[in-house]
Amino acid sequence: MNRLTTNVGGETSRGVTGMAEPDLSKLRNFGIVAHIDAGKTTLTERILYCTGRRHRIGNVDDGDTVTDWQPEERERGITITAAAVTSLWRRCQLNLIDTPGHVDFTAEVERSLRVLDGAVVVFCGVAGVQAQSESVWRIADRYQVPRFAFINKMDRAGADFRKAVRDMEKRLSIPPVPLQIPAGEASAFSGVIDLIKMRLLTFDWEQEPPVSKESDIPDALKPAAEEARSEMVAKAAECSEDLLELFVNDQPVPEDALRAALRKGTIQRQICPVLCGSALTNRGVEPVVDGIVDLLPSPLDIPPAKGIHPRQQDKAVERPCKASAPVSGLIFKTHTDQHGTLAFFRIYSGKLKPGTRLYNPGRKAAERVNQLWRIYADKREEIEEAGPGEIVGLMGLRASITGDTLCDNAHQILYERIAFSETIMSVSVEPRSSADQAALEEALRQMVMDDPTLETKLDEETGQTVLSGMGELHLEIVKDRLLREHKLNVRVGQPRVRYRETITRLATAQATFDREIGDRRHKATVQVQVEPIDTLDLKVASDLDRKTIPLELIEAMKESIRVAGGSGPLESYPLLRLKATVTAVEDFDPLLATETALTSAANAAFEKAVEAAGPIMLEPIMRLELRVLSEHVGDVLFDLGGRRAEVKETEVVGEHQRVVAICPLSELFGYATQFRSLTRGRGELTLEPSDYRPKR
């Protein structure tokens, strides 16, 4: 390709094919995240075309995009799994992950942002900040990921750049700073005004090869551009003392100093730069690629990876992003197919080669890397070496799964695991032929290993396998995959709510385990206290003196309580909003108080304490965000009232109304179909898990 680009970084370059081994300053690991249908995959396709990685543009509607490669994704026109692709731009290696927008697959966003250095957040120029936009933004906040925004669909009827920016100011955590403004909106959209260079950028994709053009800003647009530039410089000056001095003294601001301040503010998450355009028509895409290079961090720009020592869990350990450091990294995703299990691995330090022996400190297991791959969606390229900061695929692992740390056995470190949301919905699954039972169990085992938001459990009363997930679409996709990939035609029961259990008051209980096993006596008496807490988890602590009782025995007792917390006393649902503390071990005798005795006694004491603490059932509550035409609002609100919903917020947005409500999940089965009927197919609905409340 011979595609000319003008860019934020101030140099002219061309998209190129072919891969080179970059130095760390030339590496960008980033994700593209957004609400469903905001244009993430469309933007990804244009980026791949811009960078010369692909020679024709795929379209979601045509089902021929690179990153939506699974049959279910192409049929439904949505992204289901995060897909990794690699390309080059301005001598930088871009490792891009395209993530899903549907709430049922938020776990894919969660595990991607856990290992990425930066993100491009896509917003719809018409709808502005949508529900799932806020969700992925909060995930990026949690993992402290620097990001910039791309306001897409500026050529659509109703597009309003300023309103989208105001939405960001109002609803998100980092102040937006436009680096561009659109030249016209909706049908009048013709290009973007670069506020750094104060030039109009237009994009002519009818030519072959396509070109970007730079010209003077039309007189009619100059006042708005000058005002926007002044605001941009003022906000950039807050990120740089050098720029602030120039700004305060009303001196000219050099472009290099301005870019440096914007980059610093982005990496430190003081500001969120904002670009705009139309990914579908390729207008404004090349400045996005330049922004990835110029604004997002390299692995050198982020702090060293932090973890703990596996055997001394109060000891913090760091790994610098250097090839000379001991090798370490995190598995953030696995994918199993007919060739085996591919582990997606972020290398935080050191170098990897095929044949490297690693250690999994969380599972106390040795591993060997048989093959090393660079991943390009559903294709792979075998490589001979990978260094720090890279994202690669590993083959040959036996015991390791998503969230596991792999490291040098002589220099151990344990990174924080990835936290995933609790499953909220379940269905029974059984084969139509008993001969397929073993094949079904193996297929589900593989799927659960690859997808941490899936769970399976045997219903002892009915003998059926119960499959739990994040929503109706999530479970429907699993059914489709069982048929398509594993040739298993299964019967699926009606969806059921996955409830939780909790306690209502503080309680303490004690239990003794005293038994002879073989020729040894095992005896211990353990006391456990339980109390309600506000957070949606089960916390386990200990008040025991480590000088008296070894740390490994204390940790074993805590782990036995965590396992017991997976099944409450009422209907065997997991326990939430509860803190359990091992408060005492009576008359500790190191000869009798074995790990078996202590863990069994702790387990029994915990169960007795929970039963005495007033256990109750909790039901999942969903947050709904709806955009409906004003003429349909009455019907929608009336219907919600019959579903035990509480309306929390309403807002007029043009000819639509935005409604935010909460509602028990049990009232929402099939609601999407009803909502389409009430709005004549012209409404927009987003549901996401919000909370758990006592079941009524």
Foldseek 3Di string as FASTA:
>chain_A
DAAWDQALVGDIDAQDFDDDDADLLQEFFEEEAEAWPLQLQLLVQLVCCRNVVDVDGDDLQCLDGQQLVDPVCSVVSWRQAWFWAWGDDPNHIYTYIYGTNAQQRCLRLQLSLLQGQAYEYEAEQQPAHDDSSLVSLVSNVVNVHQYAYEHADQQAPRGDNVVNLVCCVVRHDAREQEQWDFCDGHNRTAAIQGLLVRWTWGWAVVDVVTYIDTHHDDPVCVVVSVVSSLRNLVQLCVQDVVSVVCVVVVHDDDSVNSLVSQQSCRSNRNYHYYHYYHSNVSHRSSNVVSCSSRRTGGLQSDDFAWFAFLVGRVHIDTAAQEQPTWWKWFFSFWDQAPVGIKTWIAIRFHKDFQQDWKAFSVVRDIWGFHWKWDGRNPDTDTDGMDGHGDIIITPGGDPDFHQIMITHPVDDGGHGGRDDDEFWKKKWKDFPDPVCRVVVVVLVVNVCRRDVQWDWDQDVVVRTIMITGHDDVVVVVSQVCCCPRVVTNMDIGDMDTQKAKEFDAKFKFKFWDWDDDDNAIAIWIWMKIKGFADDWAEAEEEPDDCVVPPPVLVVLQRVLQQVLQCAADPGTHHYTRMYMYGYDIPPDDPRRHDSVGNNVRSSVRSNVRRVVRHMAMKFWKKKKKKKAFPVLVVVVVVLVVVQPKDWDDWDDSPRIIITIIMGTPVSCVVVVVVVCVSRVNPMDMGMHTDDIDGDD
